[in-house]
Amino acid sequence: MGRWLARVGRTSRLTAEHAGALGLLTWRIIVAVARLKVSFKEVVRQLYIQGIQSLPIVLVTGSLAGIVTSQQGGYQFTGSVPLYVLGSLVVETIVLEMGPVLTALVLVGRVGARITAELGTMVVSEQIDAYNSLGRDPIAVLAAPRVLAGIVALPLLVGIADFIGVAAGMVAANYEVGLGTESFLYGARLFWHSWDLFYSLAKAVVFGIAIPLISVHMGLRTKGGAEGVGRTTTQAVMFMTLTILILDAVFPPLMLN
């Protein structure tokens, strides 16, 4: 019993420590942006890295999500439910859930891990100390541009993933169960709400804040040389994945009620 309580205490202390550090990091980023200390050129560079370079994997992920959703829905609906309802299933599933969540999880591995490893390497090689000694704020130079780029890039990528996923689902529905384009679009409009797209992009904005923020936080806490960089990057990917899933579970009661 004593060991269990000690473990709970350590976990609670660590959680509180991370939460406090993340809050402080967020405040320092806001202050840096408000004081216009963030390089626009660096934000654009990070947008290219996080957005343009992530586009191929997002296109593949969105397409496969639409195809699989259409195939599974068509299999379930055959003979029992009007096939045009498949259009609604594909659109609602992709826009509300699969598009934002899968895109965020892809960016956890591609962008989040990269940011953590970059900043972790800079910490262990004392480059962050060099910034401080030169009077340059690492938060304004390194952290803020990455977070700002994530806020812009992820909603754009989610919008593209939503479109590609629906288009791929429509093609798959035509090929698998013979559902024509007009019938698919009729079913898609049947249960569509204008709020759905806002909901999807709102998720994307929140995920776009969480991924670079956690990765910057973990990267700046790196210790222990090359081994520490690897360990911290692994922990960061785990934390970001859990955060995305928890936020995804919290969104419906907050925004759909």
Protein backbone atom coordinates (compact mmCIF):
# COMPACT_ATOMS: atom_id res chain seq x y z
CA MET A 1 0.00 0.00 0.00
CA GLY A 2 2.82 2.38 0.86
CA ARG A 3 4.56 1.73 -2.47
CA TRP A 4 1.33 2.33 -4.35
CA LEU A 5 0.75 5.63 -2.56
CA ALA A 6 4.36 6.66 -3.24
CA ARG A 7 3.91 5.88 -6.93
CA VAL A 8 0.69 7.89 -7.05
CA GLY A 9 2.45 10.77 -5.31
CA ARG A 10 5.35 10.75 -7.76
CA THR A 11 2.97 10.64 -10.73
CA SER A 12 0.90 13.50 -9.34
CA ARG A 13 3.99 15.58 -8.65
CA LEU A 14 5.35 14.95 -12.15
CA THR A 15 2.00 15.79 -13.74
CA ALA A 16 1.77 19.04 -11.79
CA GLU A 17 5.36 19.89 -12.71
CA HIS A 18 4.72 19.35 -16.44
CA ALA A 19 1.43 21.29 -16.28
CA GLY A 20 3.12 24.24 -14.56
CA ALA A 21 6.03 24.25 -17.02
CA LEU A 22 3.64 24.08 -19.98
CA GLY A 23 1.63 26.99 -18.57
CA LEU A 24 4.78 29.07 -18.11
CA LEU A 25 5.99 28.19 -21.62
CA THR A 26 2.62 29.20 -23.08
CA TRP A 27 2.76 32.54 -21.27
CA ARG A 28 6.31 33.24 -22.46
CA ILE A 29 5.30 32.47 -26.05
CA ILE A 30 2.30 34.81 -25.80
CA VAL A 31 4.53 37.57 -24.41
CA ALA A 32 7.10 37.05 -27.20
CA VAL A 33 4.39 37.25 -29.87
CA ALA A 34 2.76 40.30 -28.27
CA ARG A 35 6.11 42.10 -28.19
CA LEU A 36 6.73 41.22 -31.85
CA LYS A 37 9.98 39.44 -31.04
CA VAL A 38 9.17 36.48 -33.30
CA SER A 39 10.88 36.30 -36.69
CA PHE A 40 8.33 36.20 -39.53
CA LYS A 41 10.94 34.52 -41.73
CA GLU A 42 11.33 31.70 -39.20
CA VAL A 43 7.56 31.25 -38.96
CA VAL A 44 7.39 30.89 -42.75
CA ARG A 45 10.23 28.35 -42.67
CA GLN A 46 8.43 26.34 -40.02
CA LEU A 47 5.22 26.52 -42.05
CA TYR A 48 7.08 24.97 -44.95
CA ILE A 49 8.51 22.22 -42.74
CA GLN A 50 5.28 21.45 -40.88
CA GLY A 51 2.84 22.12 -43.71
CA ILE A 52 4.23 21.61 -47.20
CA GLN A 53 6.59 18.79 -46.29
CA SER A 54 3.80 16.98 -44.41
CA LEU A 55 1.39 17.21 -47.35
CA PRO A 56 2.25 13.88 -49.05
CA ILE A 57 1.70 11.75 -45.95
CA VAL A 58 -1.50 13.68 -45.13
CA LEU A 59 -2.83 13.04 -48.64
CA VAL A 60 -2.11 9.33 -48.33
CA THR A 61 -3.63 9.12 -44.84
CA GLY A 62 -6.77 11.03 -45.84
CA SER A 63 -7.27 8.91 -48.96
CA LEU A 64 -6.90 5.63 -47.09
CA ALA A 65 -9.24 6.81 -44.33
CA GLY A 66 -11.93 7.64 -46.89
CA ILE A 67 -11.48 4.37 -48.76
CA VAL A 68 -11.58 2.19 -45.64
CA THR A 69 -14.61 4.03 -44.21
CA SER A 70 -16.47 3.63 -47.50
CA GLN A 71 -15.59 -0.05 -47.82
CA GLN A 72 -16.63 -0.93 -44.28
CA GLY A 73 -19.80 1.14 -44.47
CA GLY A 74 -20.77 -0.38 -47.81
CA TYR A 75 -20.27 -3.87 -46.41
CA GLN A 76 -22.52 -3.13 -43.41
CA PHE A 77 -25.24 -1.33 -45.37
CA THR A 78 -25.66 -3.79 -48.23
CA GLY A 79 -29.23 -5.13 -48.21
CA SER A 80 -30.37 -3.44 -44.99
CA VAL A 81 -29.90 0.33 -45.27
CA PRO A 82 -30.34 2.61 -48.31
CA LEU A 83 -26.95 2.95 -49.92
CA TYR A 84 -27.13 6.73 -50.20
CA VAL A 85 -26.74 6.88 -46.40
CA LEU A 86 -23.17 5.74 -47.04
CA GLY A 87 -22.45 9.27 -48.30
CA SER A 88 -23.45 10.72 -44.96
CA LEU A 89 -21.44 8.10 -43.06
CA VAL A 90 -18.27 8.82 -45.01
CA VAL A 91 -18.56 12.60 -44.84
CA GLU A 92 -19.46 12.79 -41.15
CA THR A 93 -16.82 10.24 -40.13
CA ILE A 94 -14.05 11.90 -42.10
CA VAL A 95 -14.90 15.50 -41.24
CA LEU A 96 -15.76 15.05 -37.57
CA GLU A 97 -13.25 12.41 -36.55
CA MET A 98 -10.88 10.70 -38.97
CA GLY A 99 -9.61 13.82 -40.74
CA PRO A 100 -8.47 15.87 -37.73
CA VAL A 101 -7.41 12.97 -35.50
CA LEU A 102 -5.42 10.97 -38.06
CA THR A 103 -3.77 14.11 -39.40
CA ALA A 104 -2.78 15.12 -35.86
CA LEU A 105 -1.38 11.66 -35.10
CA VAL A 106 0.62 11.71 -38.32
CA LEU A 107 2.06 15.10 -37.38
CA VAL A 108 2.92 13.83 -33.89
CA GLY A 109 5.37 11.42 -35.50
CA ARG A 110 6.57 13.66 -38.28
CA VAL A 111 6.61 17.14 -36.72
CA GLY A 112 6.43 16.63 -32.96
CA ALA A 113 9.24 14.10 -32.81
CA ARG A 114 11.38 16.28 -35.06
CA ILE A 115 10.92 19.40 -32.91
CA THR A 116 11.69 17.47 -29.72
CA ALA A 117 14.83 15.93 -31.20
CA GLU A 118 16.01 19.27 -32.64
CA LEU A 119 15.61 21.23 -29.43
CA GLY A 120 16.86 18.35 -27.30
CA THR A 121 20.03 18.16 -29.37
CA MET A 122 20.47 21.92 -29.00
CA VAL A 123 20.11 21.61 -25.23
CA VAL A 124 22.64 18.80 -24.78
CA SER A 125 25.11 20.48 -27.17
CA GLU A 126 24.75 23.74 -25.18
CA GLN A 127 23.41 25.75 -28.12
CA ILE A 128 20.51 26.95 -25.95
CA ASP A 129 23.05 28.25 -23.43
CA ALA A 130 24.76 30.08 -26.26
CA TYR A 131 21.49 31.83 -27.17
CA ASN A 132 21.08 32.92 -23.56
CA SER A 133 24.66 34.15 -23.30
CA LEU A 134 24.14 36.25 -26.43
CA GLY A 135 21.02 37.82 -24.94
CA ARG A 136 18.63 36.09 -27.34
CA ASP A 137 15.49 34.52 -25.91
CA PRO A 138 15.24 30.86 -27.04
CA ILE A 139 11.47 30.98 -26.56
CA ALA A 140 11.08 33.84 -29.05
CA VAL A 141 13.66 32.45 -31.48
CA LEU A 142 12.88 28.72 -31.36
CA ALA A 143 9.61 27.97 -29.58
CA ALA A 144 7.17 30.67 -30.70
CA PRO A 145 7.70 30.23 -34.49
CA ARG A 146 7.08 26.48 -34.22
CA VAL A 147 3.89 26.93 -32.22
CA LEU A 148 2.57 29.68 -34.52
CA ALA A 149 3.33 27.54 -37.56
CA GLY A 150 1.47 24.59 -36.00
CA ILE A 151 -1.61 26.74 -35.35
CA VAL A 152 -1.72 27.72 -39.04
CA ALA A 153 -0.51 24.52 -40.69
CA LEU A 154 -2.64 21.89 -38.99
CA PRO A 155 -6.07 23.40 -39.86
CA LEU A 156 -4.96 23.71 -43.48
CA LEU A 157 -3.76 20.11 -43.53
CA VAL A 158 -6.97 18.91 -41.87
CA GLY A 159 -9.06 20.76 -44.46
CA ILE A 160 -7.10 19.06 -47.24
CA ALA A 161 -7.39 15.66 -45.52
CA ASP A 162 -11.17 16.13 -45.14
CA PHE A 163 -11.57 16.94 -48.83
CA ILE A 164 -9.33 14.12 -50.05
CA GLY A 165 -10.93 11.63 -47.66
CA VAL A 166 -14.45 12.44 -48.85
CA ALA A 167 -13.38 12.32 -52.50
CA ALA A 168 -11.62 8.98 -52.03
CA GLY A 169 -14.63 7.62 -50.14
CA MET A 170 -16.93 8.67 -52.97
CA VAL A 171 -14.76 6.91 -55.57
CA ALA A 172 -14.53 3.80 -53.38
CA ALA A 173 -18.32 3.76 -52.86
CA ASN A 174 -18.84 3.87 -56.61
CA TYR A 175 -16.34 1.08 -57.19
CA GLU A 176 -17.32 -1.20 -54.28
CA VAL A 177 -21.14 -0.97 -54.14
CA GLY A 178 -22.03 0.96 -57.28
CA LEU A 179 -23.17 4.11 -55.47
CA GLY A 180 -23.24 6.94 -57.99
CA THR A 181 -21.87 10.41 -57.37
CA GLU A 182 -25.31 12.04 -57.22
CA SER A 183 -26.62 9.48 -54.70
CA PHE A 184 -23.46 9.83 -52.60
CA LEU A 185 -23.76 13.62 -52.51
CA TYR A 186 -27.49 13.37 -51.73
CA GLY A 187 -26.69 11.18 -48.73
CA ALA A 188 -23.86 13.50 -47.73
CA ARG A 189 -26.21 16.51 -47.65
CA LEU A 190 -28.89 14.59 -45.76
CA PHE A 191 -27.25 14.87 -42.32
CA TRP A 192 -24.73 17.63 -43.00
CA HIS A 193 -24.59 20.66 -40.70
CA SER A 194 -22.56 23.78 -41.39
CA TRP A 195 -21.25 23.44 -37.81
CA ASP A 196 -19.46 20.21 -38.76
CA LEU A 197 -16.67 21.91 -40.69
CA PHE A 198 -16.13 24.45 -37.91
CA TYR A 199 -15.96 21.58 -35.42
CA SER A 200 -13.31 19.82 -37.51
CA LEU A 201 -11.18 22.95 -37.89
CA ALA A 202 -11.59 23.85 -34.20
CA LYS A 203 -10.15 20.44 -33.35
CA ALA A 204 -7.31 21.11 -35.76
CA VAL A 205 -6.45 24.44 -34.11
CA VAL A 206 -6.34 22.85 -30.65
CA PHE A 207 -4.23 19.96 -31.92
CA GLY A 208 -2.01 22.46 -33.75
CA ILE A 209 -1.30 24.18 -30.45
CA ALA A 210 -0.82 21.00 -28.42
CA ILE A 211 1.65 19.19 -30.70
CA PRO A 212 4.37 21.88 -31.04
CA LEU A 213 3.83 23.13 -27.48
CA ILE A 214 4.42 19.71 -25.92
CA SER A 215 7.31 18.92 -28.25
CA VAL A 216 9.03 22.25 -27.45
CA HIS A 217 8.44 21.70 -23.75
CA MET A 218 9.93 18.21 -23.83
CA GLY A 219 12.81 19.22 -26.05
CA LEU A 220 13.90 22.01 -23.72
CA ARG A 221 13.83 19.59 -20.76
CA THR A 222 16.22 17.12 -22.39
CA LYS A 223 19.13 15.81 -20.32
CA GLY A 224 21.74 13.10 -20.72
CA GLY A 225 23.37 13.48 -24.12
CA ALA A 226 22.36 11.48 -27.19
CA GLU A 227 20.65 8.81 -25.09
CA GLY A 228 18.64 11.52 -23.35
CA VAL A 229 17.51 12.94 -26.69
CA GLY A 230 16.19 9.55 -27.76
CA ARG A 231 14.47 8.95 -24.44
CA THR A 232 12.87 12.39 -24.36
CA THR A 233 11.67 12.10 -27.96
CA THR A 234 10.00 8.78 -27.17
CA GLN A 235 8.31 10.27 -24.11
CA ALA A 236 7.19 13.31 -26.09
CA VAL A 237 5.56 11.16 -28.78
CA MET A 238 3.73 9.20 -26.08
CA PHE A 239 2.56 12.38 -24.31
CA MET A 240 1.42 14.01 -27.55
CA THR A 241 -0.48 10.91 -28.67
CA LEU A 242 -2.28 10.62 -25.33
CA THR A 243 -3.03 14.35 -25.36
CA ILE A 244 -4.57 14.15 -28.84
CA LEU A 245 -6.77 11.22 -27.82
CA ILE A 246 -7.84 12.89 -24.56
CA LEU A 247 -8.64 16.18 -26.31
CA ASP A 248 -10.59 14.26 -28.95
CA ALA A 249 -12.67 12.63 -26.21
CA VAL A 250 -13.29 15.98 -24.50
CA PHE A 251 -14.43 17.80 -27.65
CA PRO A 252 -17.91 16.24 -28.19
CA PRO A 253 -19.39 17.12 -24.77
CA LEU A 254 -17.90 20.62 -25.00
CA MET A 255 -18.89 21.50 -28.57
CA LEU A 256 -21.75 19.23 -29.64
CA ASN A 257 -24.08 19.70 -26.66
